[in-house]
All heavy atoms as atom14 arrays in JSON, in Angstrom:
{
  "sequence": "CRQALRTAAGPEVDFARAEREHQLYVGVLRGKLGLQVLELPADES",
  "atom14_mask": [
    [1, 1, 1, 1, 1, 1, 0, 0, 0, 0, 0, 0, 0, 0],
    [1, 1, 1, 1, 1, 1, 1, 1, 1, 1, 1, 0, 0, 0],
    [1, 1, 1, 1, 1, 1, 1, 1, 1, 0, 0, 0, 0, 0],
    [1, 1, 1, 1, 1, 0, 0, 0, 0, 0, 0, 0, 0, 0],
    [1, 1, 1, 1, 1, 1, 1, 1, 0, 0, 0, 0, 0, 0],
    [1, 1, 1, 1, 1, 1, 1, 1, 1, 1, 1, 0, 0, 0],
    [1, 1, 1, 1, 1, 1, 1, 0, 0, 0, 0, 0, 0, 0],
    [1, 1, 1, 1, 1, 0, 0, 0, 0, 0, 0, 0, 0, 0],
    [1, 1, 1, 1, 1, 0, 0, 0, 0, 0, 0, 0, 0, 0],
    [1, 1, 1, 1, 0, 0, 0, 0, 0, 0, 0, 0, 0, 0],
    [1, 1, 1, 1, 1, 1, 1, 0, 0, 0, 0, 0, 0, 0],
    [1, 1, 1, 1, 1, 1, 1, 1, 1, 0, 0, 0, 0, 0],
    [1, 1, 1, 1, 1, 1, 1, 0, 0, 0, 0, 0, 0, 0],
    [1, 1, 1, 1, 1, 1, 1, 1, 0, 0, 0, 0, 0, 0],
    [1, 1, 1, 1, 1, 1, 1, 1, 1, 1, 1, 0, 0, 0],
    [1, 1, 1, 1, 1, 0, 0, 0, 0, 0, 0, 0, 0, 0],
    [1, 1, 1, 1, 1, 1, 1, 1, 1, 1, 1, 0, 0, 0],
    [1, 1, 1, 1, 1, 0, 0, 0, 0, 0, 0, 0, 0, 0],
    [1, 1, 1, 1, 1, 1, 1, 1, 1, 0, 0, 0, 0, 0],
    [1, 1, 1, 1, 1, 1, 1, 1, 1, 1, 1, 0, 0, 0],
    [1, 1, 1, 1, 1, 1, 1, 1, 1, 0, 0, 0, 0, 0],
    [1, 1, 1, 1, 1, 1, 1, 1, 1, 1, 0, 0, 0, 0],
    [1, 1, 1, 1, 1, 1, 1, 1, 1, 0, 0, 0, 0, 0],
    [1, 1, 1, 1, 1, 1, 1, 1, 0, 0, 0, 0, 0, 0],
    [1, 1, 1, 1, 1, 1, 1, 1, 1, 1, 1, 1, 0, 0],
    [1, 1, 1, 1, 1, 1, 1, 0, 0, 0, 0, 0, 0, 0],
    [1, 1, 1, 1, 0, 0, 0, 0, 0, 0, 0, 0, 0, 0],
    [1, 1, 1, 1, 1, 1, 1, 0, 0, 0, 0, 0, 0, 0],
    [1, 1, 1, 1, 1, 1, 1, 1, 0, 0, 0, 0, 0, 0],
    [1, 1, 1, 1, 1, 1, 1, 1, 1, 1, 1, 0, 0, 0],
    [1, 1, 1, 1, 0, 0, 0, 0, 0, 0, 0, 0, 0, 0],
    [1, 1, 1, 1, 1, 1, 1, 1, 1, 0, 0, 0, 0, 0],
    [1, 1, 1, 1, 1, 1, 1, 1, 0, 0, 0, 0, 0, 0],
    [1, 1, 1, 1, 0, 0, 0, 0, 0, 0, 0, 0, 0, 0],
    [1, 1, 1, 1, 1, 1, 1, 1, 0, 0, 0, 0, 0, 0],
    [1, 1, 1, 1, 1, 1, 1, 1, 1, 0, 0, 0, 0, 0],
    [1, 1, 1, 1, 1, 1, 1, 0, 0, 0, 0, 0, 0, 0],
    [1, 1, 1, 1, 1, 1, 1, 1, 0, 0, 0, 0, 0, 0],
    [1, 1, 1, 1, 1, 1, 1, 1, 1, 0, 0, 0, 0, 0],
    [1, 1, 1, 1, 1, 1, 1, 1, 0, 0, 0, 0, 0, 0],
    [1, 1, 1, 1, 1, 1, 1, 0, 0, 0, 0, 0, 0, 0],
    [1, 1, 1, 1, 1, 0, 0, 0, 0, 0, 0, 0, 0, 0],
    [1, 1, 1, 1, 1, 1, 1, 1, 0, 0, 0, 0, 0, 0],
    [1, 1, 1, 1, 1, 1, 1, 1, 1, 0, 0, 0, 0, 0],
    [1, 1, 1, 1, 1, 1, 0, 0, 0, 0, 0, 0, 0, 0]
  ],
  "atom14_positions": [
    [[0.81, -1.22, 0.0], [0.0, 0.0, 0.0], [0.85, 1.27, 0.0], [0.54, 2.22, -0.71], [-0.94, 0.0, 1.2], [-2.11, -1.38, 1.18], [0.0, 0.0, 0.0], [0.0, 0.0, 0.0], [0.0, 0.0, 0.0], [0.0, 0.0, 0.0], [0.0, 0.0, 0.0], [0.0, 0.0, 0.0], [0.0, 0.0, 0.0], [0.0, 0.0, 0.0]],
    [[1.9, 1.29, 0.79], [2.7, 2.5, 0.92], [4.07, 2.43, 0.24], [4.67, 3.46, -0.08], [2.92, 2.83, 2.41], [1.64, 3.2, 3.14], [1.92, 3.53, 4.59], [0.69, 3.84, 5.31], [0.15, 5.06, 5.37], [0.75, 6.07, 4.75], [-0.96, 5.27, 6.04], [0.0, 0.0, 0.0], [0.0, 0.0, 0.0], [0.0, 0.0, 0.0]],
    [[4.55, 1.2, 0.01], [5.94, 1.07, -0.45], [6.1, 0.52, -1.87], [7.21, 0.52, -2.4], [6.7, 0.17, 0.53], [6.8, 0.77, 1.92], [7.41, -0.21, 2.91], [8.3, -0.99, 2.56], [6.93, -0.2, 4.14], [0.0, 0.0, 0.0], [0.0, 0.0, 0.0], [0.0, 0.0, 0.0], [0.0, 0.0, 0.0], [0.0, 0.0, 0.0]],
    [[5.02, 0.05, -2.49], [5.15, -0.48, -3.85], [5.61, 0.63, -4.79], [5.26, 1.81, -4.62], [3.82, -1.06, -4.32], [0.0, 0.0, 0.0], [0.0, 0.0, 0.0], [0.0, 0.0, 0.0], [0.0, 0.0, 0.0], [0.0, 0.0, 0.0], [0.0, 0.0, 0.0], [0.0, 0.0, 0.0], [0.0, 0.0, 0.0], [0.0, 0.0, 0.0]],
    [[6.4, 0.26, -5.77], [6.84, 1.21, -6.79], [5.65, 1.68, -7.61], [4.72, 0.92, -7.87], [7.88, 0.55, -7.69], [9.15, 0.05, -7.01], [9.99, -0.75, -7.99], [9.95, 1.21, -6.43], [0.0, 0.0, 0.0], [0.0, 0.0, 0.0], [0.0, 0.0, 0.0], [0.0, 0.0, 0.0], [0.0, 0.0, 0.0], [0.0, 0.0, 0.0]],
    [[5.67, 2.93, -8.02], [4.59, 3.44, -8.88], [5.15, 4.52, -9.79], [6.03, 5.28, -9.39], [3.4, 3.93, -8.05], [3.7, 4.96, -7.01], [2.6, 5.04, -5.95], [1.29, 5.3, -6.5], [0.14, 5.18, -5.8], [0.16, 4.77, -4.56], [-1.01, 5.44, -6.34], [0.0, 0.0, 0.0], [0.0, 0.0, 0.0], [0.0, 0.0, 0.0]],
    [[4.63, 4.58, -11.0], [5.16, 5.54, -11.98], [4.66, 6.95, -11.71], [5.26, 7.92, -12.15], [4.78, 5.13, -13.41], [3.36, 4.94, -13.48], [5.48, 3.85, -13.82], [0.0, 0.0, 0.0], [0.0, 0.0, 0.0], [0.0, 0.0, 0.0], [0.0, 0.0, 0.0], [0.0, 0.0, 0.0], [0.0, 0.0, 0.0], [0.0, 0.0, 0.0]],
    [[3.53, 7.06, -10.99], [2.98, 8.39, -10.71], [2.3, 8.37, -9.35], [1.74, 7.35, -8.93], [1.98, 8.78, -11.79], [0.0, 0.0, 0.0], [0.0, 0.0, 0.0], [0.0, 0.0, 0.0], [0.0, 0.0, 0.0], [0.0, 0.0, 0.0], [0.0, 0.0, 0.0], [0.0, 0.0, 0.0], [0.0, 0.0, 0.0], [0.0, 0.0, 0.0]],
    [[2.35, 9.51, -8.67], [1.67, 9.62, -7.38], [0.16, 9.51, -7.6], [-0.36, 9.88, -8.66], [2.02, 10.95, -6.72], [0.0, 0.0, 0.0], [0.0, 0.0, 0.0], [0.0, 0.0, 0.0], [0.0, 0.0, 0.0], [0.0, 0.0, 0.0], [0.0, 0.0, 0.0], [0.0, 0.0, 0.0], [0.0, 0.0, 0.0], [0.0, 0.0, 0.0]],
    [[-0.54, 9.01, -6.58], [-1.98, 8.85, -6.72], [-2.58, 8.35, -5.43], [-1.89, 8.3, -4.4], [0.0, 0.0, 0.0], [0.0, 0.0, 0.0], [0.0, 0.0, 0.0], [0.0, 0.0, 0.0], [0.0, 0.0, 0.0], [0.0, 0.0, 0.0], [0.0, 0.0, 0.0], [0.0, 0.0, 0.0], [0.0, 0.0, 0.0], [0.0, 0.0, 0.0]],
    [[-3.83, 7.96, -5.46], [-4.5, 7.49, -4.24], [-3.86, 6.22, -3.69], [-3.33, 5.4, -4.44], [-5.94, 7.24, -4.68], [-5.87, 7.1, -6.17], [-4.73, 7.94, -6.63], [0.0, 0.0, 0.0], [0.0, 0.0, 0.0], [0.0, 0.0, 0.0], [0.0, 0.0, 0.0], [0.0, 0.0, 0.0], [0.0, 0.0, 0.0], [0.0, 0.0, 0.0]],
    [[-3.92, 6.08, -2.37], [-3.35, 4.9, -1.73], [-4.2, 3.68, -2.02], [-5.42, 3.76, -2.18], [-3.26, 5.13, -0.22], [-2.51, 4.03, 0.51], [-2.29, 4.36, 1.98], [-1.88, 5.5, 2.28], [-2.51, 3.47, 2.82], [0.0, 0.0, 0.0], [0.0, 0.0, 0.0], [0.0, 0.0, 0.0], [0.0, 0.0, 0.0], [0.0, 0.0, 0.0]],
    [[-3.56, 2.54, -2.1], [-4.24, 1.27, -2.33], [-5.08, 0.91, -1.1], [-4.61, 1.0, 0.04], [-3.22, 0.15, -2.62], [-3.92, -1.21, -2.67], [-2.47, 0.42, -3.91], [0.0, 0.0, 0.0], [0.0, 0.0, 0.0], [0.0, 0.0, 0.0], [0.0, 0.0, 0.0], [0.0, 0.0, 0.0], [0.0, 0.0, 0.0], [0.0, 0.0, 0.0]],
    [[-6.32, 0.55, -1.32], [-7.19, 0.01, -0.27], [-6.85, -1.47, -0.15], [-7.23, -2.27, -1.01], [-8.66, 0.22, -0.68], [-9.65, -0.34, 0.34], [-9.32, -1.32, 1.03], [-10.77, 0.19, 0.41], [0.0, 0.0, 0.0], [0.0, 0.0, 0.0], [0.0, 0.0, 0.0], [0.0, 0.0, 0.0], [0.0, 0.0, 0.0], [0.0, 0.0, 0.0]],
    [[-6.13, -1.82, 0.92], [-5.59, -3.18, 1.01], [-6.7, -4.24, 1.05], [-6.61, -5.27, 0.37], [-4.69, -3.33, 2.24], [-4.05, -4.69, 2.33], [-3.0, -5.04, 1.5], [-4.52, -5.64, 3.23], [-2.41, -6.3, 1.56], [-3.94, -6.9, 3.3], [-2.89, -7.23, 2.47], [0.0, 0.0, 0.0], [0.0, 0.0, 0.0], [0.0, 0.0, 0.0]],
    [[-7.74, -4.01, 1.82], [-8.81, -5.0, 1.93], [-9.47, -5.24, 0.57], [-9.74, -6.38, 0.19], [-9.85, -4.55, 2.95], [0.0, 0.0, 0.0], [0.0, 0.0, 0.0], [0.0, 0.0, 0.0], [0.0, 0.0, 0.0], [0.0, 0.0, 0.0], [0.0, 0.0, 0.0], [0.0, 0.0, 0.0], [0.0, 0.0, 0.0], [0.0, 0.0, 0.0]],
    [[-9.68, -4.17, -0.17], [-10.31, -4.32, -1.49], [-9.34, -4.99, -2.47], [-9.75, -5.84, -3.28], [-10.73, -2.95, -2.02], [-11.49, -3.04, -3.34], [-12.0, -1.69, -3.79], [-12.7, -1.78, -5.06], [-13.17, -0.75, -5.74], [-13.05, 0.47, -5.24], [-13.77, -0.92, -6.9], [0.0, 0.0, 0.0], [0.0, 0.0, 0.0], [0.0, 0.0, 0.0]],
    [[-8.06, -4.61, -2.39], [-7.07, -5.24, -3.26], [-7.0, -6.74, -3.01], [-6.9, -7.54, -3.94], [-5.69, -4.6, -3.02], [0.0, 0.0, 0.0], [0.0, 0.0, 0.0], [0.0, 0.0, 0.0], [0.0, 0.0, 0.0], [0.0, 0.0, 0.0], [0.0, 0.0, 0.0], [0.0, 0.0, 0.0], [0.0, 0.0, 0.0], [0.0, 0.0, 0.0]],
    [[-7.07, -7.11, -1.74], [-7.01, -8.53, -1.39], [-8.24, -9.27, -1.92], [-8.12, -10.38, -2.45], [-6.9, -8.67, 0.13], [-6.21, -9.93, 0.59], [-5.81, -9.88, 2.04], [-6.56, -9.33, 2.86], [-4.74, -10.43, 2.36], [0.0, 0.0, 0.0], [0.0, 0.0, 0.0], [0.0, 0.0, 0.0], [0.0, 0.0, 0.0], [0.0, 0.0, 0.0]],
    [[-9.41, -8.64, -1.8], [-10.64, -9.27, -2.33], [-10.54, -9.45, -3.85], [-10.88, -10.51, -4.39], [-11.86, -8.42, -1.99], [-12.3, -8.51, -0.55], [-13.71, -7.98, -0.35], [-13.88, -6.6, -0.8], [-13.63, -5.52, -0.03], [-13.19, -5.69, 1.2], [-13.83, -4.31, -0.51], [0.0, 0.0, 0.0], [0.0, 0.0, 0.0], [0.0, 0.0, 0.0]],
    [[-10.07, -8.42, -4.54], [-9.95, -8.52, -6.0], [-8.95, -9.61, -6.38], [-9.2, -10.38, -7.32], [-9.51, -7.16, -6.58], [-10.58, -6.1, -6.51], [-10.15, -4.77, -7.09], [-8.93, -4.55, -7.28], [-11.04, -3.92, -7.35], [0.0, 0.0, 0.0], [0.0, 0.0, 0.0], [0.0, 0.0, 0.0], [0.0, 0.0, 0.0], [0.0, 0.0, 0.0]],
    [[-7.85, -9.69, -5.64], [-6.84, -10.71, -5.95], [-7.36, -12.12, -5.67], [-7.11, -13.05, -6.45], [-5.58, -10.44, -5.14], [-4.41, -11.3, -5.52], [-3.86, -11.3, -6.79], [-3.7, -12.22, -4.82], [-2.85, -12.16, -6.84], [-2.73, -12.74, -5.65], [0.0, 0.0, 0.0], [0.0, 0.0, 0.0], [0.0, 0.0, 0.0], [0.0, 0.0, 0.0]],
    [[-8.11, -12.26, -4.58], [-8.69, -13.58, -4.26], [-9.69, -14.02, -5.33], [-9.76, -15.2, -5.66], [-9.33, -13.53, -2.88], [-8.31, -13.49, -1.74], [-8.91, -13.15, -0.39], [-10.1, -12.82, -0.28], [-8.09, -13.21, 0.66], [0.0, 0.0, 0.0], [0.0, 0.0, 0.0], [0.0, 0.0, 0.0], [0.0, 0.0, 0.0], [0.0, 0.0, 0.0]],
    [[-10.44, -13.07, -5.87], [-11.36, -13.41, -6.96], [-10.59, -13.85, -8.2], [-10.98, -14.8, -8.89], [-12.26, -12.21, -7.27], [-13.36, -11.92, -6.25], [-14.01, -10.58, -6.54], [-14.42, -13.03, -6.27], [0.0, 0.0, 0.0], [0.0, 0.0, 0.0], [0.0, 0.0, 0.0], [0.0, 0.0, 0.0], [0.0, 0.0, 0.0], [0.0, 0.0, 0.0]],
    [[-9.51, -13.16, -8.49], [-8.63, -13.49, -9.63], [-8.08, -14.91, -9.48], [-8.18, -15.74, -10.39], [-7.52, -12.45, -9.64], [-6.37, -12.62, -10.62], [-6.4, -11.99, -11.86], [-5.23, -13.35, -10.29], [-5.32, -12.08, -12.74], [-4.15, -13.45, -11.15], [-4.21, -12.82, -12.38], [-3.14, -12.92, -13.24], [0.0, 0.0, 0.0], [0.0, 0.0, 0.0]],
    [[-7.54, -15.21, -8.3], [-6.99, -16.54, -8.04], [-8.11, -17.58, -8.08], [-7.94, -18.69, -8.61], [-6.25, -16.57, -6.69], [-5.81, -17.99, -6.34], [-5.05, -15.63, -6.73], [0.0, 0.0, 0.0], [0.0, 0.0, 0.0], [0.0, 0.0, 0.0], [0.0, 0.0, 0.0], [0.0, 0.0, 0.0], [0.0, 0.0, 0.0], [0.0, 0.0, 0.0]],
    [[-9.27, -17.21, -7.57], [-10.41, -18.12, -7.58], [-10.87, -18.49, -8.97], [-11.28, -19.63, -9.22], [0.0, 0.0, 0.0], [0.0, 0.0, 0.0], [0.0, 0.0, 0.0], [0.0, 0.0, 0.0], [0.0, 0.0, 0.0], [0.0, 0.0, 0.0], [0.0, 0.0, 0.0], [0.0, 0.0, 0.0], [0.0, 0.0, 0.0], [0.0, 0.0, 0.0]],
    [[-10.78, -17.55, -9.91], [-11.13, -17.85, -11.3], [-10.15, -18.87, -11.87], [-10.55, -19.85, -12.51], [-11.14, -16.56, -12.15], [-11.15, -16.89, -13.64], [-12.36, -15.72, -11.81], [0.0, 0.0, 0.0], [0.0, 0.0, 0.0], [0.0, 0.0, 0.0], [0.0, 0.0, 0.0], [0.0, 0.0, 0.0], [0.0, 0.0, 0.0], [0.0, 0.0, 0.0]],
    [[-8.87, -18.65, -11.63], [-7.86, -19.57, -12.17], [-8.04, -20.98, -11.6], [-7.99, -21.97, -12.33], [-6.46, -19.06, -11.84], [-6.05, -17.71, -12.46], [-4.67, -17.3, -11.97], [-6.08, -17.76, -13.98], [0.0, 0.0, 0.0], [0.0, 0.0, 0.0], [0.0, 0.0, 0.0], [0.0, 0.0, 0.0], [0.0, 0.0, 0.0], [0.0, 0.0, 0.0]],
    [[-8.28, -21.05, -10.3], [-8.37, -22.36, -9.64], [-9.76, -22.98, -9.81], [-9.88, -24.14, -10.2], [-8.04, -22.2, -8.15], [-8.15, -23.49, -7.36], [-7.92, -23.24, -5.88], [-6.51, -23.05, -5.55], [-6.02, -22.03, -4.86], [-6.83, -21.06, -4.44], [-4.73, -21.95, -4.59], [0.0, 0.0, 0.0], [0.0, 0.0, 0.0], [0.0, 0.0, 0.0]],
    [[-10.79, -22.22, -9.47], [-12.14, -22.78, -9.41], [-12.84, -22.86, -10.75], [-13.34, -23.91, -11.14], [0.0, 0.0, 0.0], [0.0, 0.0, 0.0], [0.0, 0.0, 0.0], [0.0, 0.0, 0.0], [0.0, 0.0, 0.0], [0.0, 0.0, 0.0], [0.0, 0.0, 0.0], [0.0, 0.0, 0.0], [0.0, 0.0, 0.0], [0.0, 0.0, 0.0]],
    [[-12.85, -21.74, -11.47], [-13.6, -21.7, -12.73], [-12.85, -22.38, -13.87], [-13.47, -23.03, -14.72], [-13.91, -20.24, -13.09], [-14.83, -20.09, -14.28], [-15.41, -18.69, -14.38], [-16.63, -18.52, -13.51], [-17.35, -17.25, -13.8], [0.0, 0.0, 0.0], [0.0, 0.0, 0.0], [0.0, 0.0, 0.0], [0.0, 0.0, 0.0], [0.0, 0.0, 0.0]],
    [[-11.51, -22.26, -13.87], [-10.73, -22.79, -14.99], [-10.0, -24.09, -14.66], [-9.46, -24.74, -15.55], [-9.73, -21.74, -15.47], [-10.37, -20.41, -15.93], [-9.32, -19.44, -16.42], [-11.42, -20.67, -17.02], [0.0, 0.0, 0.0], [0.0, 0.0, 0.0], [0.0, 0.0, 0.0], [0.0, 0.0, 0.0], [0.0, 0.0, 0.0], [0.0, 0.0, 0.0]],
    [[-9.97, -24.47, -13.39], [-9.43, -25.78, -13.01], [-7.91, -25.89, -13.07], [-7.38, -27.0, -13.16], [0.0, 0.0, 0.0], [0.0, 0.0, 0.0], [0.0, 0.0, 0.0], [0.0, 0.0, 0.0], [0.0, 0.0, 0.0], [0.0, 0.0, 0.0], [0.0, 0.0, 0.0], [0.0, 0.0, 0.0], [0.0, 0.0, 0.0], [0.0, 0.0, 0.0]],
    [[-7.21, -24.75, -13.01], [-5.75, -24.82, -13.01], [-5.24, -25.24, -11.63], [-5.89, -25.02, -10.62], [-5.15, -23.45, -13.36], [-5.57, -22.83, -14.7], [-4.81, -21.54, -14.92], [-5.36, -23.79, -15.85], [0.0, 0.0, 0.0], [0.0, 0.0, 0.0], [0.0, 0.0, 0.0], [0.0, 0.0, 0.0], [0.0, 0.0, 0.0], [0.0, 0.0, 0.0]],
    [[-4.06, -25.85, -11.62], [-3.39, -26.12, -10.36], [-2.64, -24.84, -9.97], [-1.68, -24.46, -10.65], [-2.42, -27.3, -10.5], [-3.15, -28.61, -10.79], [-2.19, -29.8, -10.76], [-1.44, -29.98, -9.82], [-2.24, -30.61, -11.82], [0.0, 0.0, 0.0], [0.0, 0.0, 0.0], [0.0, 0.0, 0.0], [0.0, 0.0, 0.0], [0.0, 0.0, 0.0]],
    [[-3.11, -24.21, -8.92], [-2.57, -22.91, -8.52], [-1.58, -23.1, -7.37], [-1.91, -23.69, -6.35], [-3.69, -21.94, -8.1], [-3.1, -20.63, -7.58], [-4.61, -21.67, -9.29], [0.0, 0.0, 0.0], [0.0, 0.0, 0.0], [0.0, 0.0, 0.0], [0.0, 0.0, 0.0], [0.0, 0.0, 0.0], [0.0, 0.0, 0.0], [0.0, 0.0, 0.0]],
    [[-0.38, -22.6, -7.57], [0.67, -22.62, -6.55], [0.79, -21.21, -6.0], [1.19, -20.28, -6.73], [1.99, -23.08, -7.15], [1.94, -24.44, -7.88], [3.19, -24.67, -8.69], [1.73, -25.56, -6.89], [0.0, 0.0, 0.0], [0.0, 0.0, 0.0], [0.0, 0.0, 0.0], [0.0, 0.0, 0.0], [0.0, 0.0, 0.0], [0.0, 0.0, 0.0]],
    [[0.41, -21.01, -4.74], [0.37, -19.67, -4.17], [1.53, -19.47, -3.21], [1.61, -20.13, -2.17], [-0.96, -19.4, -3.46], [-1.07, -17.96, -3.0], [-2.51, -17.54, -2.7], [-3.4, -18.41, -2.64], [-2.72, -16.32, -2.53], [0.0, 0.0, 0.0], [0.0, 0.0, 0.0], [0.0, 0.0, 0.0], [0.0, 0.0, 0.0], [0.0, 0.0, 0.0]],
    [[2.4, -18.54, -3.56], [3.53, -18.2, -2.71], [3.07, -17.25, -1.61], [2.17, -16.43, -1.82], [4.63, -17.53, -3.54], [5.21, -18.36, -4.68], [6.12, -17.5, -5.55], [5.98, -19.55, -4.13], [0.0, 0.0, 0.0], [0.0, 0.0, 0.0], [0.0, 0.0, 0.0], [0.0, 0.0, 0.0], [0.0, 0.0, 0.0], [0.0, 0.0, 0.0]],
    [[3.69, -17.33, -0.44], [3.32, -16.41, 0.64], [3.81, -14.99, 0.37], [4.8, -14.79, -0.34], [4.01, -17.0, 1.87], [5.19, -17.75, 1.31], [4.75, -18.27, -0.03], [0.0, 0.0, 0.0], [0.0, 0.0, 0.0], [0.0, 0.0, 0.0], [0.0, 0.0, 0.0], [0.0, 0.0, 0.0], [0.0, 0.0, 0.0], [0.0, 0.0, 0.0]],
    [[3.12, -14.03, 0.95], [3.56, -12.64, 0.84], [4.87, -12.45, 1.59], [5.17, -13.18, 2.54], [2.49, -11.72, 1.42], [0.0, 0.0, 0.0], [0.0, 0.0, 0.0], [0.0, 0.0, 0.0], [0.0, 0.0, 0.0], [0.0, 0.0, 0.0], [0.0, 0.0, 0.0], [0.0, 0.0, 0.0], [0.0, 0.0, 0.0], [0.0, 0.0, 0.0]],
    [[5.65, -11.48, 1.15], [6.89, -11.13, 1.83], [6.85, -9.62, 2.06], [6.9, -8.83, 1.11], [8.1, -11.52, 0.98], [9.43, -11.28, 1.68], [9.51, -10.38, 2.54], [10.4, -11.99, 1.37], [0.0, 0.0, 0.0], [0.0, 0.0, 0.0], [0.0, 0.0, 0.0], [0.0, 0.0, 0.0], [0.0, 0.0, 0.0], [0.0, 0.0, 0.0]],
    [[6.72, -9.21, 3.32], [6.57, -7.79, 3.63], [7.8, -6.97, 3.22], [7.71, -5.76, 3.03], [6.28, -7.59, 5.12], [4.92, -8.13, 5.56], [3.74, -7.43, 4.88], [3.89, -6.27, 4.46], [2.67, -8.06, 4.77], [0.0, 0.0, 0.0], [0.0, 0.0, 0.0], [0.0, 0.0, 0.0], [0.0, 0.0, 0.0], [0.0, 0.0, 0.0]],
    [[8.95, -7.62, 3.09], [10.15, -6.89, 2.67], [10.2, -6.67, 1.16], [11.09, -5.99, 0.66], [11.41, -7.64, 3.13], [11.59, -8.83, 2.38], [0.0, 0.0, 0.0], [0.0, 0.0, 0.0], [0.0, 0.0, 0.0], [0.0, 0.0, 0.0], [0.0, 0.0, 0.0], [0.0, 0.0, 0.0], [0.0, 0.0, 0.0], [0.0, 0.0, 0.0]]
  ]
}
């Protein structure tokens, strides 16, 4: 939210919403399309 690189200044990322959108994205790959999804853990650094 605060430290990711960005090409231009702008509004801060809403983490909860970003996480929901990402979970839906992963859910499509795994659930709707049947791919074997390998999910790496987040690294705060």
